[in-house]
């Protein structure tokens, strides 16, 4: 076997492995397919000191053939950006919800997360028949919900939602970095890195800091 043939064989083996992994990620989708439209829901941004929490809601087609979907934290930025475009193009429907730093301070991060998720569902162009949620049960939602612990790594739909939420929020924080320079939002995305905390202590908080999260530093 030539080196080129060997390389091609390895490439094909890798591809088959990825196809098998994605098929495994459809087990919840297969389990609940009789319900109709299945929507995956996830959020990004519960932990940062600044910026909103963002939720994604994604209904994938039944014969979804998108590869490399995973928990967004396990993917490179380049891969997430590529998948964002593919999901946006191929999904039956996508909804995105936000809860601002002000709302997080007003009602706490968990309640704000629920609000962002509810908004994401309301923005879908197709009403889902069942929700696969990453770990939580959203209050006051009249659709059947299935909370799945670490769902973004176990369900294709939730993984897709985590990618949509993560890319949306990251892009937002990069824009905020231009508006509020000095905190490193483009690189830390609002999370509490040592440099970010040092900046808060040195120059004080900016408008988008969550006051309830930074009271120990200010």
N, C-alpha and C. Protein backbone atom coordinates (compact mmCIF):
# COMPACT_ATOMS: atom_id res chain seq x y z
N UNK A 1 0.84 -1.20 0.00
CA UNK A 1 0.00 0.00 0.00
C UNK A 1 0.88 1.26 0.00
N UNK A 2 0.57 2.17 -0.89
CA UNK A 2 1.36 3.40 -0.95
C UNK A 2 1.01 4.31 0.22
N UNK A 3 1.86 5.32 0.46
CA UNK A 3 1.61 6.28 1.55
C UNK A 3 0.29 7.03 1.33
N UNK A 4 0.04 7.35 0.05
CA UNK A 4 -1.19 8.08 -0.28
C UNK A 4 -2.43 7.22 0.00
N UNK A 5 -2.34 5.91 -0.33
CA UNK A 5 -3.45 4.99 -0.08
C UNK A 5 -3.67 4.80 1.42
N UNK A 6 -2.57 4.72 2.14
CA UNK A 6 -2.62 4.56 3.59
C UNK A 6 -3.30 5.77 4.23
N UNK A 7 -2.93 6.95 3.73
CA UNK A 7 -3.49 8.21 4.23
C UNK A 7 -5.00 8.26 3.96
N UNK A 8 -5.39 7.84 2.75
CA UNK A 8 -6.81 7.84 2.36
C UNK A 8 -7.61 6.85 3.22
N UNK A 9 -7.00 5.69 3.49
CA UNK A 9 -7.65 4.67 4.32
C UNK A 9 -7.89 5.20 5.73
N UNK A 10 -6.87 5.88 6.29
CA UNK A 10 -6.99 6.46 7.64
C UNK A 10 -8.09 7.52 7.66
N UNK A 11 -8.14 8.31 6.60
CA UNK A 11 -9.15 9.37 6.48
C UNK A 11 -10.55 8.76 6.47
N UNK A 12 -10.71 7.66 5.70
CA UNK A 12 -12.01 6.98 5.61
C UNK A 12 -12.41 6.35 6.95
N UNK A 13 -11.42 5.77 7.64
CA UNK A 13 -11.68 5.15 8.96
C UNK A 13 -12.15 6.21 9.96
N UNK A 14 -11.47 7.36 9.91
CA UNK A 14 -11.80 8.48 10.79
C UNK A 14 -13.22 8.98 10.52
N UNK A 15 -13.57 9.07 9.23
CA UNK A 15 -14.89 9.52 8.82
C UNK A 15 -15.97 8.55 9.30
N UNK A 16 -15.72 7.24 9.13
CA UNK A 16 -16.69 6.22 9.57
C UNK A 16 -16.89 6.28 11.08
N UNK A 17 -15.81 6.55 11.82
CA UNK A 17 -15.87 6.68 13.28
C UNK A 17 -16.76 7.86 13.66
N UNK A 18 -16.59 8.97 12.93
CA UNK A 18 -17.37 10.18 13.20
C UNK A 18 -18.85 9.97 12.88
N UNK A 19 -19.13 9.27 11.78
CA UNK A 19 -20.51 8.96 11.40
C UNK A 19 -21.16 8.10 12.50
N UNK A 20 -20.41 7.12 13.00
CA UNK A 20 -20.91 6.24 14.07
C UNK A 20 -21.16 7.04 15.35
N UNK A 21 -20.27 7.98 15.67
CA UNK A 21 -20.42 8.81 16.88
C UNK A 21 -21.69 9.67 16.78
N UNK A 22 -21.90 10.25 15.60
CA UNK A 22 -23.09 11.09 15.40
C UNK A 22 -24.38 10.27 15.44
N UNK A 23 -24.32 9.04 14.94
CA UNK A 23 -25.50 8.15 15.01
C UNK A 23 -25.84 7.86 16.47
N UNK A 24 -24.80 7.67 17.28
CA UNK A 24 -24.99 7.42 18.72
C UNK A 24 -25.63 8.65 19.39
N UNK A 25 -25.28 9.85 18.90
CA UNK A 25 -25.83 11.10 19.46
C UNK A 25 -27.31 11.29 19.11
N UNK A 26 -27.83 10.44 18.23
CA UNK A 26 -29.24 10.55 17.84
C UNK A 26 -30.14 9.62 18.65
N UNK A 27 -29.60 9.00 19.69
CA UNK A 27 -30.42 7.99 20.40
C UNK A 27 -31.66 8.60 21.06
N UNK A 28 -31.52 9.81 21.63
CA UNK A 28 -32.71 10.46 22.23
C UNK A 28 -33.68 10.90 21.14
N UNK A 29 -33.11 11.40 20.04
CA UNK A 29 -33.95 11.81 18.91
C UNK A 29 -34.74 10.62 18.37
N UNK A 30 -34.09 9.44 18.33
CA UNK A 30 -34.79 8.23 17.87
C UNK A 30 -35.85 7.80 18.88
N UNK A 31 -35.50 7.91 20.15
CA UNK A 31 -36.42 7.49 21.22
C UNK A 31 -37.72 8.30 21.21
N UNK A 32 -37.61 9.60 20.89
CA UNK A 32 -38.78 10.48 20.97
C UNK A 32 -39.32 10.91 19.61
N UNK A 33 -38.87 10.25 18.53
CA UNK A 33 -39.25 10.72 17.19
C UNK A 33 -40.76 10.65 16.92
N UNK A 34 -41.46 9.77 17.63
CA UNK A 34 -42.91 9.65 17.42
C UNK A 34 -43.66 10.90 17.87
N UNK A 35 -43.02 11.74 18.70
CA UNK A 35 -43.68 12.96 19.18
C UNK A 35 -43.85 13.99 18.07
N UNK A 36 -42.92 14.00 17.12
CA UNK A 36 -42.95 15.01 16.05
C UNK A 36 -41.68 15.84 16.07
N UNK A 37 -41.83 17.16 16.10
CA UNK A 37 -40.66 18.04 16.07
C UNK A 37 -39.92 18.03 17.41
N UNK A 38 -38.66 17.66 17.36
CA UNK A 38 -37.81 17.58 18.55
C UNK A 38 -36.89 18.80 18.57
N UNK A 39 -36.89 19.50 19.69
CA UNK A 39 -36.06 20.70 19.81
C UNK A 39 -35.01 20.53 20.91
N UNK A 40 -33.76 20.75 20.57
CA UNK A 40 -32.68 20.74 21.55
C UNK A 40 -32.48 22.14 22.11
N UNK A 41 -32.25 22.24 23.42
CA UNK A 41 -32.07 23.55 24.07
C UNK A 41 -30.84 23.54 24.96
N UNK A 42 -30.05 24.60 24.84
CA UNK A 42 -28.88 24.75 25.72
C UNK A 42 -28.59 26.23 25.91
N UNK A 43 -27.83 26.54 26.96
CA UNK A 43 -27.44 27.92 27.22
C UNK A 43 -25.92 28.03 27.31
N UNK A 44 -25.45 29.25 27.13
CA UNK A 44 -24.03 29.56 27.31
C UNK A 44 -23.94 30.87 28.08
N UNK A 45 -23.06 30.91 29.07
CA UNK A 45 -22.82 32.17 29.77
C UNK A 45 -23.39 32.28 31.16
N UNK A 46 -23.55 31.14 31.84
CA UNK A 46 -24.03 31.22 33.23
C UNK A 46 -22.92 31.67 34.17
N UNK A 47 -21.68 31.33 33.82
CA UNK A 47 -20.56 31.60 34.73
C UNK A 47 -19.85 32.94 34.63
N UNK A 48 -19.89 33.63 33.48
CA UNK A 48 -19.10 34.87 33.33
C UNK A 48 -19.49 35.99 34.30
N UNK A 49 -18.57 36.94 34.43
CA UNK A 49 -18.79 38.10 35.30
C UNK A 49 -19.46 39.24 34.54
N UNK A 50 -19.53 39.11 33.21
CA UNK A 50 -20.08 40.19 32.38
C UNK A 50 -20.85 39.63 31.19
N UNK A 51 -21.75 40.45 30.69
CA UNK A 51 -22.50 40.08 29.49
C UNK A 51 -23.73 39.24 29.79
N UNK A 52 -24.49 38.91 28.74
CA UNK A 52 -25.74 38.18 28.92
C UNK A 52 -25.53 36.67 29.01
N UNK A 53 -26.59 35.98 29.39
CA UNK A 53 -26.66 34.54 29.18
C UNK A 53 -27.45 34.36 27.89
N UNK A 54 -27.01 33.44 27.03
CA UNK A 54 -27.63 33.25 25.72
C UNK A 54 -28.09 31.79 25.60
N UNK A 55 -29.31 31.61 25.11
CA UNK A 55 -29.85 30.26 24.92
C UNK A 55 -30.09 30.00 23.44
N UNK A 56 -29.86 28.76 23.03
CA UNK A 56 -30.15 28.34 21.67
C UNK A 56 -31.22 27.26 21.69
N UNK A 57 -32.12 27.29 20.72
CA UNK A 57 -33.13 26.24 20.53
C UNK A 57 -33.06 25.81 19.07
N UNK A 58 -32.84 24.52 18.84
CA UNK A 58 -32.63 24.04 17.47
C UNK A 58 -33.48 22.81 17.19
N UNK A 59 -34.22 22.87 16.09
CA UNK A 59 -34.94 21.69 15.57
C UNK A 59 -34.18 21.22 14.34
N UNK A 60 -33.58 20.05 14.42
CA UNK A 60 -32.83 19.50 13.29
C UNK A 60 -33.76 18.64 12.43
N UNK A 61 -33.45 18.47 11.14
CA UNK A 61 -34.27 17.57 10.32
C UNK A 61 -34.09 16.12 10.78
N UNK A 62 -35.09 15.29 10.55
CA UNK A 62 -35.03 13.88 10.99
C UNK A 62 -33.86 13.14 10.38
N UNK A 63 -33.54 13.43 9.15
CA UNK A 63 -32.43 12.73 8.47
C UNK A 63 -31.14 13.54 8.56
N UNK A 64 -30.95 14.24 9.68
CA UNK A 64 -29.80 15.14 9.83
C UNK A 64 -28.47 14.43 9.58
N UNK A 65 -27.68 15.00 8.69
CA UNK A 65 -26.39 14.37 8.34
C UNK A 65 -25.20 15.27 8.70
N UNK A 66 -25.41 16.21 9.62
CA UNK A 66 -24.33 17.11 10.02
C UNK A 66 -23.36 16.35 10.94
N UNK A 67 -22.09 16.37 10.58
CA UNK A 67 -21.06 15.70 11.38
C UNK A 67 -20.37 16.71 12.30
N UNK A 68 -19.66 16.19 13.29
CA UNK A 68 -18.79 16.94 14.22
C UNK A 68 -19.53 17.76 15.27
N UNK A 69 -20.87 17.66 15.32
CA UNK A 69 -21.60 18.34 16.40
C UNK A 69 -21.19 17.70 17.74
N UNK A 70 -20.98 18.56 18.72
CA UNK A 70 -20.59 18.10 20.05
C UNK A 70 -20.88 19.23 21.04
N UNK A 71 -20.65 18.97 22.32
CA UNK A 71 -20.66 20.03 23.32
C UNK A 71 -19.73 21.13 22.81
N UNK A 72 -20.25 22.37 22.70
CA UNK A 72 -19.49 23.46 22.07
C UNK A 72 -18.13 23.71 22.75
N UNK A 73 -18.04 23.39 24.05
CA UNK A 73 -16.78 23.60 24.79
C UNK A 73 -15.69 22.64 24.31
N UNK A 74 -16.09 21.53 23.70
CA UNK A 74 -15.12 20.53 23.23
C UNK A 74 -14.63 20.80 21.80
N UNK A 75 -15.18 21.83 21.17
CA UNK A 75 -14.83 22.13 19.78
C UNK A 75 -13.94 23.36 19.69
N UNK A 76 -13.11 23.40 18.66
CA UNK A 76 -12.29 24.60 18.44
C UNK A 76 -13.19 25.73 17.94
N UNK A 77 -12.71 26.95 18.08
CA UNK A 77 -13.49 28.11 17.62
C UNK A 77 -13.79 28.00 16.13
N UNK A 78 -12.79 27.56 15.36
CA UNK A 78 -12.94 27.42 13.90
C UNK A 78 -14.05 26.41 13.58
N UNK A 79 -14.02 25.28 14.26
CA UNK A 79 -15.04 24.23 14.04
C UNK A 79 -16.43 24.74 14.43
N UNK A 80 -16.52 25.45 15.55
CA UNK A 80 -17.82 26.00 15.99
C UNK A 80 -18.39 26.96 14.95
N UNK A 81 -17.53 27.83 14.43
CA UNK A 81 -17.97 28.81 13.42
C UNK A 81 -18.48 28.11 12.16
N UNK A 82 -17.75 27.06 11.74
CA UNK A 82 -18.16 26.29 10.56
C UNK A 82 -19.52 25.63 10.79
N UNK A 83 -19.65 25.00 11.98
CA UNK A 83 -20.89 24.28 12.29
C UNK A 83 -22.07 25.24 12.46
N UNK A 84 -21.81 26.42 13.00
CA UNK A 84 -22.86 27.43 13.16
C UNK A 84 -23.53 27.69 11.81
N UNK A 85 -22.72 27.92 10.79
CA UNK A 85 -23.26 28.20 9.45
C UNK A 85 -24.03 27.01 8.89
N UNK A 86 -23.50 25.80 9.09
CA UNK A 86 -24.15 24.58 8.58
C UNK A 86 -25.49 24.35 9.29
N UNK A 87 -25.50 24.52 10.62
CA UNK A 87 -26.74 24.33 11.40
C UNK A 87 -27.78 25.36 10.98
N UNK A 88 -27.36 26.61 10.84
CA UNK A 88 -28.29 27.68 10.42
C UNK A 88 -28.91 27.38 9.06
N UNK A 89 -28.11 26.76 8.20
CA UNK A 89 -28.58 26.45 6.84
C UNK A 89 -29.51 25.23 6.83
N UNK A 90 -29.15 24.19 7.60
CA UNK A 90 -29.86 22.91 7.49
C UNK A 90 -30.98 22.69 8.50
N UNK A 91 -30.98 23.44 9.59
CA UNK A 91 -31.99 23.22 10.64
C UNK A 91 -33.39 23.55 10.14
N UNK A 92 -34.37 22.85 10.69
CA UNK A 92 -35.77 23.14 10.41
C UNK A 92 -36.11 24.52 10.99
N UNK A 93 -35.60 24.79 12.20
CA UNK A 93 -35.82 26.08 12.86
C UNK A 93 -34.75 26.32 13.92
N UNK A 94 -34.40 27.59 14.10
CA UNK A 94 -33.44 27.99 15.14
C UNK A 94 -34.00 29.21 15.87
N UNK A 95 -33.95 29.17 17.20
CA UNK A 95 -34.36 30.32 18.02
C UNK A 95 -33.23 30.68 18.97
N UNK A 96 -33.03 31.98 19.19
CA UNK A 96 -31.98 32.44 20.11
C UNK A 96 -32.61 33.38 21.13
N UNK A 97 -32.31 33.15 22.41
CA UNK A 97 -32.84 33.99 23.48
C UNK A 97 -31.73 34.58 24.33
N UNK A 98 -31.99 35.75 24.88
CA UNK A 98 -30.98 36.46 25.68
C UNK A 98 -31.57 36.87 27.02
N UNK A 99 -30.71 36.93 28.03
CA UNK A 99 -31.08 37.56 29.29
C UNK A 99 -29.90 38.44 29.69
N UNK A 100 -30.16 39.72 29.85
CA UNK A 100 -29.08 40.69 30.03
C UNK A 100 -28.45 40.63 31.41
N UNK A 101 -27.31 41.29 31.55
CA UNK A 101 -26.63 41.40 32.85
C UNK A 101 -27.56 42.05 33.89
N UNK A 102 -28.41 42.97 33.45
CA UNK A 102 -29.34 43.65 34.36
C UNK A 102 -30.37 42.65 34.89
N UNK A 103 -30.90 41.85 33.96
CA UNK A 103 -31.91 40.84 34.35
C UNK A 103 -31.29 39.79 35.27
N UNK A 104 -30.05 39.39 34.99
CA UNK A 104 -29.35 38.41 35.82
C UNK A 104 -29.24 38.93 37.26
N UNK A 105 -28.89 40.22 37.40
CA UNK A 105 -28.78 40.83 38.74
C UNK A 105 -30.15 40.93 39.41
N UNK A 106 -31.19 41.16 38.62
CA UNK A 106 -32.54 41.33 39.17
C UNK A 106 -33.13 40.03 39.69
N UNK A 107 -33.00 38.95 38.90
CA UNK A 107 -33.76 37.73 39.25
C UNK A 107 -32.89 36.50 39.51
N UNK A 108 -31.61 36.61 39.41
CA UNK A 108 -30.58 35.56 39.59
C UNK A 108 -30.33 34.80 38.29
N UNK A 109 -29.19 34.17 38.22
CA UNK A 109 -28.72 33.57 36.96
C UNK A 109 -29.60 32.41 36.49
N UNK A 110 -30.10 31.60 37.43
CA UNK A 110 -30.92 30.46 37.02
C UNK A 110 -32.24 30.92 36.39
N UNK A 111 -32.92 31.86 37.06
CA UNK A 111 -34.19 32.38 36.52
C UNK A 111 -33.96 33.09 35.19
N UNK A 112 -32.85 33.82 35.09
CA UNK A 112 -32.51 34.52 33.83
C UNK A 112 -32.25 33.51 32.71
N UNK A 113 -31.63 32.39 33.07
CA UNK A 113 -31.38 31.31 32.09
C UNK A 113 -32.71 30.75 31.57
N UNK A 114 -33.65 30.52 32.50
CA UNK A 114 -34.97 30.02 32.09
C UNK A 114 -35.65 31.01 31.13
N UNK A 115 -35.53 32.30 31.44
CA UNK A 115 -36.14 33.33 30.58
C UNK A 115 -35.53 33.32 29.18
N UNK A 116 -34.19 33.19 29.12
CA UNK A 116 -33.50 33.14 27.81
C UNK A 116 -33.94 31.92 27.02
N UNK A 117 -34.09 30.78 27.72
CA UNK A 117 -34.53 29.55 27.05
C UNK A 117 -35.96 29.68 26.53
N UNK A 118 -36.83 30.25 27.35
CA UNK A 118 -38.22 30.45 26.94
C UNK A 118 -38.29 31.37 25.72
N UNK A 119 -37.45 32.41 25.71
CA UNK A 119 -37.42 33.33 24.57
C UNK A 119 -36.93 32.61 23.31
N UNK A 120 -35.91 31.76 23.48
CA UNK A 120 -35.38 31.00 22.33
C UNK A 120 -36.48 30.12 21.72
N UNK A 121 -37.26 29.46 22.58
CA UNK A 121 -38.36 28.60 22.10
C UNK A 121 -39.40 29.44 21.36
N UNK A 122 -39.72 30.61 21.92
CA UNK A 122 -40.75 31.47 21.33
C UNK A 122 -40.33 32.01 19.96
N UNK A 123 -39.02 32.04 19.70
CA UNK A 123 -38.53 32.59 18.43
C UNK A 123 -38.41 31.53 17.33
N UNK A 124 -38.72 30.28 17.65
CA UNK A 124 -38.69 29.23 16.62
C UNK A 124 -39.83 29.44 15.63
N UNK A 125 -39.56 29.25 14.35
CA UNK A 125 -40.60 29.41 13.32
C UNK A 125 -41.54 28.21 13.27
N UNK A 126 -41.14 27.11 13.92
CA UNK A 126 -41.96 25.89 13.98
C UNK A 126 -42.12 25.54 15.46
N UNK A 127 -43.34 25.25 15.91
CA UNK A 127 -43.52 24.90 17.33
C UNK A 127 -43.09 23.46 17.57
N UNK A 128 -42.15 23.25 18.51
CA UNK A 128 -41.71 21.88 18.79
C UNK A 128 -42.76 21.08 19.56
N UNK A 129 -42.68 19.75 19.42
CA UNK A 129 -43.60 18.87 20.14
C UNK A 129 -42.97 18.32 21.41
N UNK A 130 -41.64 18.36 21.47
CA UNK A 130 -40.92 17.90 22.65
C UNK A 130 -39.58 18.63 22.74
N UNK A 131 -39.15 18.92 23.97
CA UNK A 131 -37.89 19.62 24.20
C UNK A 131 -36.88 18.70 24.87
N UNK A 132 -35.69 18.63 24.30
CA UNK A 132 -34.57 17.94 24.96
C UNK A 132 -33.70 19.05 25.54
N UNK A 133 -33.65 19.13 26.86
CA UNK A 133 -32.94 20.23 27.53
C UNK A 133 -31.63 19.76 28.14
N UNK A 134 -30.65 20.63 28.13
CA UNK A 134 -29.40 20.32 28.83
C UNK A 134 -29.62 20.50 30.33
N UNK A 135 -29.92 19.43 31.01
CA UNK A 135 -29.99 19.32 32.48
C UNK A 135 -31.20 19.96 33.17
N UNK A 136 -31.81 20.99 32.61
CA UNK A 136 -32.85 21.72 33.36
C UNK A 136 -34.26 21.41 32.87
N UNK A 137 -35.23 21.76 33.73
CA UNK A 137 -36.65 21.78 33.33
C UNK A 137 -37.08 23.23 33.39
N UNK A 138 -37.53 23.76 32.27
CA UNK A 138 -37.89 25.18 32.19
C UNK A 138 -39.30 25.37 32.73
N UNK A 139 -39.48 26.26 33.72
CA UNK A 139 -40.83 26.46 34.26
C UNK A 139 -41.75 27.16 33.27
N UNK A 140 -43.05 26.91 33.44
CA UNK A 140 -44.10 27.59 32.66
C UNK A 140 -43.98 27.41 31.15
N UNK A 141 -43.53 26.24 30.74
CA UNK A 141 -43.48 25.91 29.31
C UNK A 141 -44.43 24.74 29.08
N UNK A 142 -45.37 24.91 28.14
CA UNK A 142 -46.43 23.90 27.96
C UNK A 142 -46.07 22.83 26.92
N UNK A 143 -44.81 22.51 26.83
CA UNK A 143 -44.33 21.46 25.90
C UNK A 143 -43.63 20.40 26.74
N UNK A 144 -43.79 19.14 26.38
CA UNK A 144 -43.11 18.06 27.12
C UNK A 144 -41.60 18.30 27.10
N UNK A 145 -40.96 18.14 28.28
CA UNK A 145 -39.52 18.37 28.39
C UNK A 145 -38.80 17.13 28.90
N UNK A 146 -37.63 16.90 28.34
CA UNK A 146 -36.77 15.80 28.79
C UNK A 146 -35.42 16.40 29.19
N UNK A 147 -35.18 16.58 30.51
CA UNK A 147 -33.88 17.09 30.92
C UNK A 147 -32.82 16.00 30.84
N UNK A 148 -31.70 16.28 30.20
CA UNK A 148 -30.62 15.29 30.04
C UNK A 148 -29.33 15.87 30.61
N UNK A 149 -28.80 15.22 31.64
CA UNK A 149 -27.54 15.68 32.25
C UNK A 149 -26.42 15.55 31.21
N UNK A 150 -25.61 16.61 31.09
CA UNK A 150 -24.56 16.68 30.06
C UNK A 150 -25.13 16.40 28.66
N UNK A 151 -26.33 16.91 28.44
CA UNK A 151 -27.05 16.67 27.19
C UNK A 151 -26.33 17.16 25.95
N UNK A 152 -25.52 18.24 26.12
CA UNK A 152 -24.82 18.79 24.94
C UNK A 152 -23.79 17.82 24.37
N UNK A 153 -23.40 16.81 25.16
CA UNK A 153 -22.46 15.79 24.66
C UNK A 153 -23.17 14.47 24.38
N UNK A 154 -24.49 14.41 24.63
CA UNK A 154 -25.23 13.16 24.47
C UNK A 154 -26.32 13.21 23.42
N UNK A 155 -26.74 14.43 23.04
CA UNK A 155 -27.83 14.59 22.06
C UNK A 155 -27.39 15.53 20.95
N UNK A 156 -27.64 15.11 19.72
CA UNK A 156 -27.27 15.92 18.55
C UNK A 156 -27.98 17.27 18.58
N UNK A 157 -29.26 17.27 18.95
CA UNK A 157 -30.05 18.51 18.96
C UNK A 157 -29.54 19.49 20.02
N UNK A 158 -29.24 18.97 21.21
CA UNK A 158 -28.74 19.84 22.29
C UNK A 158 -27.33 20.34 21.94
N UNK A 159 -26.51 19.45 21.37
CA UNK A 159 -25.17 19.87 20.92
C UNK A 159 -25.25 21.00 19.91
N UNK A 160 -26.19 20.89 18.97
CA UNK A 160 -26.38 21.94 17.96
C UNK A 160 -26.81 23.25 18.63
N UNK A 161 -27.70 23.15 19.61
CA UNK A 161 -28.16 24.34 20.34
C UNK A 161 -27.01 25.00 21.10
N UNK A 162 -26.12 24.18 21.67
CA UNK A 162 -24.98 24.73 22.42
C UNK A 162 -24.02 25.48 21.49
N UNK A 163 -23.87 24.98 20.27
CA UNK A 163 -23.00 25.65 19.29
C UNK A 163 -23.59 27.00 18.87
N UNK A 164 -24.90 27.02 18.60
CA UNK A 164 -25.57 28.27 18.21
C UNK A 164 -25.45 29.30 19.34
N UNK A 165 -25.70 28.87 20.58
CA UNK A 165 -25.64 29.79 21.72
C UNK A 165 -24.22 30.30 21.94
N UNK A 166 -23.24 29.40 21.86
CA UNK A 166 -21.84 29.77 22.12
C UNK A 166 -21.31 30.74 21.07
N UNK A 167 -21.53 30.46 19.80
CA UNK A 167 -21.03 31.34 18.73
C UNK A 167 -21.72 32.71 18.82
N UNK A 168 -23.02 32.71 19.08
CA UNK A 168 -23.77 33.97 19.21
C UNK A 168 -23.20 34.81 20.34
N UNK A 169 -22.99 34.18 21.50
CA UNK A 169 -22.50 34.93 22.67
C UNK A 169 -21.05 35.39 22.47
N UNK A 170 -20.21 34.52 21.91
CA UNK A 170 -18.80 34.89 21.68
C UNK A 170 -18.70 36.10 20.76
N UNK A 171 -19.50 36.10 19.69
CA UNK A 171 -19.49 37.23 18.75
C UNK A 171 -19.92 38.52 19.44
N UNK A 172 -20.90 38.39 20.32
CA UNK A 172 -21.40 39.54 21.09
C UNK A 172 -20.31 40.11 22.00
N UNK A 173 -19.58 39.21 22.67
CA UNK A 173 -18.53 39.66 23.60
C UNK A 173 -17.35 40.29 22.85
N UNK A 174 -17.09 39.84 21.64
CA UNK A 174 -16.04 40.45 20.81
C UNK A 174 -16.45 41.89 20.46
N UNK A 175 -17.75 42.09 20.19
CA UNK A 175 -18.25 43.45 19.92
C UNK A 175 -18.15 44.31 21.18
N UNK A 176 -18.51 43.73 22.32
CA UNK A 176 -18.42 44.47 23.59
C UNK A 176 -16.98 44.88 23.91
N UNK A 177 -16.03 44.08 23.47
CA UNK A 177 -14.62 44.39 23.72
C UNK A 177 -14.24 45.74 23.08
N UNK A 178 -14.85 46.02 21.91
CA UNK A 178 -14.58 47.30 21.23
C UNK A 178 -15.23 48.45 22.00
N UNK A 179 -16.41 48.18 22.56
CA UNK A 179 -17.16 49.20 23.29
C UNK A 179 -16.57 49.47 24.68
N UNK A 180 -16.11 48.39 25.30
CA UNK A 180 -15.56 48.50 26.67
C UNK A 180 -14.16 47.89 26.70
N UNK A 181 -13.16 48.60 26.15
CA UNK A 181 -11.80 48.04 26.12
C UNK A 181 -11.19 47.98 27.51
N UNK A 182 -10.17 47.12 27.63
CA UNK A 182 -9.44 47.04 28.90
C UNK A 182 -9.72 45.80 29.72
N UNK A 183 -10.84 45.13 29.42
CA UNK A 183 -11.20 43.94 30.21
C UNK A 183 -10.87 42.63 29.50
N UNK A 184 -10.50 42.71 28.22
CA UNK A 184 -10.15 41.51 27.46
C UNK A 184 -11.34 40.66 27.08
N UNK A 185 -12.53 41.29 26.88
CA UNK A 185 -13.74 40.53 26.56
C UNK A 185 -13.60 39.67 25.30
N UNK A 186 -12.82 40.12 24.34
CA UNK A 186 -12.65 39.35 23.09
C UNK A 186 -12.01 38.00 23.35
N UNK A 187 -11.10 37.96 24.34
CA UNK A 187 -10.42 36.69 24.63
C UNK A 187 -11.08 35.92 25.78
N UNK A 188 -11.49 36.63 26.85
CA UNK A 188 -12.04 35.88 28.01
C UNK A 188 -13.56 35.71 27.96
N UNK A 189 -14.21 36.40 27.00
CA UNK A 189 -15.68 36.32 26.81
C UNK A 189 -16.46 36.64 28.09
N UNK A 190 -15.82 37.42 28.98
CA UNK A 190 -16.50 37.83 30.21
C UNK A 190 -16.26 36.92 31.39
N UNK A 191 -15.60 35.78 31.16
CA UNK A 191 -15.31 34.86 32.26
C UNK A 191 -14.23 35.47 33.19
N UNK A 192 -14.18 34.98 34.41
CA UNK A 192 -13.33 35.58 35.43
C UNK A 192 -11.87 35.15 35.39
N UNK A 193 -11.19 35.46 34.30
CA UNK A 193 -9.75 35.18 34.23
C UNK A 193 -9.02 36.12 35.19
N UNK A 194 -7.79 35.77 35.54
CA UNK A 194 -7.00 36.60 36.47
C UNK A 194 -6.85 38.02 35.93
N UNK A 195 -6.58 38.14 34.61
CA UNK A 195 -6.40 39.46 34.00
C UNK A 195 -7.70 40.27 34.03
N UNK A 196 -8.82 39.59 33.82
CA UNK A 196 -10.13 40.26 33.84
C UNK A 196 -10.43 40.79 35.25
N UNK A 197 -10.21 39.95 36.26
CA UNK A 197 -10.46 40.37 37.65
C UNK A 197 -9.53 41.53 38.03
N UNK A 198 -8.27 41.45 37.60
CA UNK A 198 -7.31 42.53 37.87
C UNK A 198 -7.78 43.84 37.24
N UNK A 199 -8.34 43.75 36.02
CA UNK A 199 -8.84 44.94 35.31
C UNK A 199 -10.03 45.56 36.05
N UNK A 200 -10.92 44.71 36.58
CA UNK A 200 -12.08 45.21 37.34
C UNK A 200 -11.59 45.98 38.57
N UNK A 201 -10.61 45.40 39.25
CA UNK A 201 -10.06 46.04 40.46
C UNK A 201 -9.37 47.36 40.13
N UNK A 202 -8.69 47.38 38.98
CA UNK A 202 -7.90 48.56 38.60
C UNK A 202 -8.75 49.68 38.02
N UNK A 203 -9.63 49.35 37.05
CA UNK A 203 -10.38 50.43 36.39
C UNK A 203 -11.86 50.46 36.77
N UNK A 204 -12.26 49.50 37.61
CA UNK A 204 -13.66 49.44 38.04
C UNK A 204 -14.52 48.73 37.01
N UNK A 205 -15.74 48.38 37.37
CA UNK A 205 -16.61 47.66 36.44
C UNK A 205 -17.14 48.56 35.33
N UNK A 206 -17.53 47.93 34.21
CA UNK A 206 -18.17 48.67 33.12
C UNK A 206 -19.67 48.37 33.16
N UNK A 207 -20.38 48.95 32.22
CA UNK A 207 -21.84 48.84 32.22
C UNK A 207 -22.35 47.41 32.18
N UNK A 208 -21.65 46.50 31.45
CA UNK A 208 -22.20 45.14 31.26
C UNK A 208 -21.74 44.13 32.31
N UNK A 209 -21.02 44.59 33.34
CA UNK A 209 -20.64 43.66 34.41
C UNK A 209 -21.87 43.30 35.26
N UNK A 210 -21.93 42.05 35.67
CA UNK A 210 -23.01 41.58 36.54
C UNK A 210 -22.63 41.95 37.98
N UNK A 211 -23.32 42.92 38.52
CA UNK A 211 -22.95 43.43 39.86
C UNK A 211 -23.02 42.34 40.94
N UNK A 212 -23.99 41.43 40.79
CA UNK A 212 -24.14 40.35 41.78
C UNK A 212 -22.98 39.34 41.70
N UNK A 213 -22.25 39.33 40.58
CA UNK A 213 -21.14 38.40 40.40
C UNK A 213 -19.81 38.98 40.83
N UNK A 214 -19.70 40.32 40.83
CA UNK A 214 -18.37 40.94 41.07
C UNK A 214 -18.28 41.64 42.42
N UNK A 215 -19.27 41.44 43.28
CA UNK A 215 -19.24 42.17 44.57
C UNK A 215 -18.00 41.85 45.41
N UNK A 216 -17.40 40.69 45.22
CA UNK A 216 -16.18 40.34 45.98
C UNK A 216 -14.94 41.08 45.48
N UNK A 217 -15.01 41.61 44.24
CA UNK A 217 -13.82 42.27 43.68
C UNK A 217 -13.92 43.79 43.73
N UNK A 218 -15.10 44.32 44.00
CA UNK A 218 -15.31 45.77 43.89
C UNK A 218 -15.51 46.38 45.28
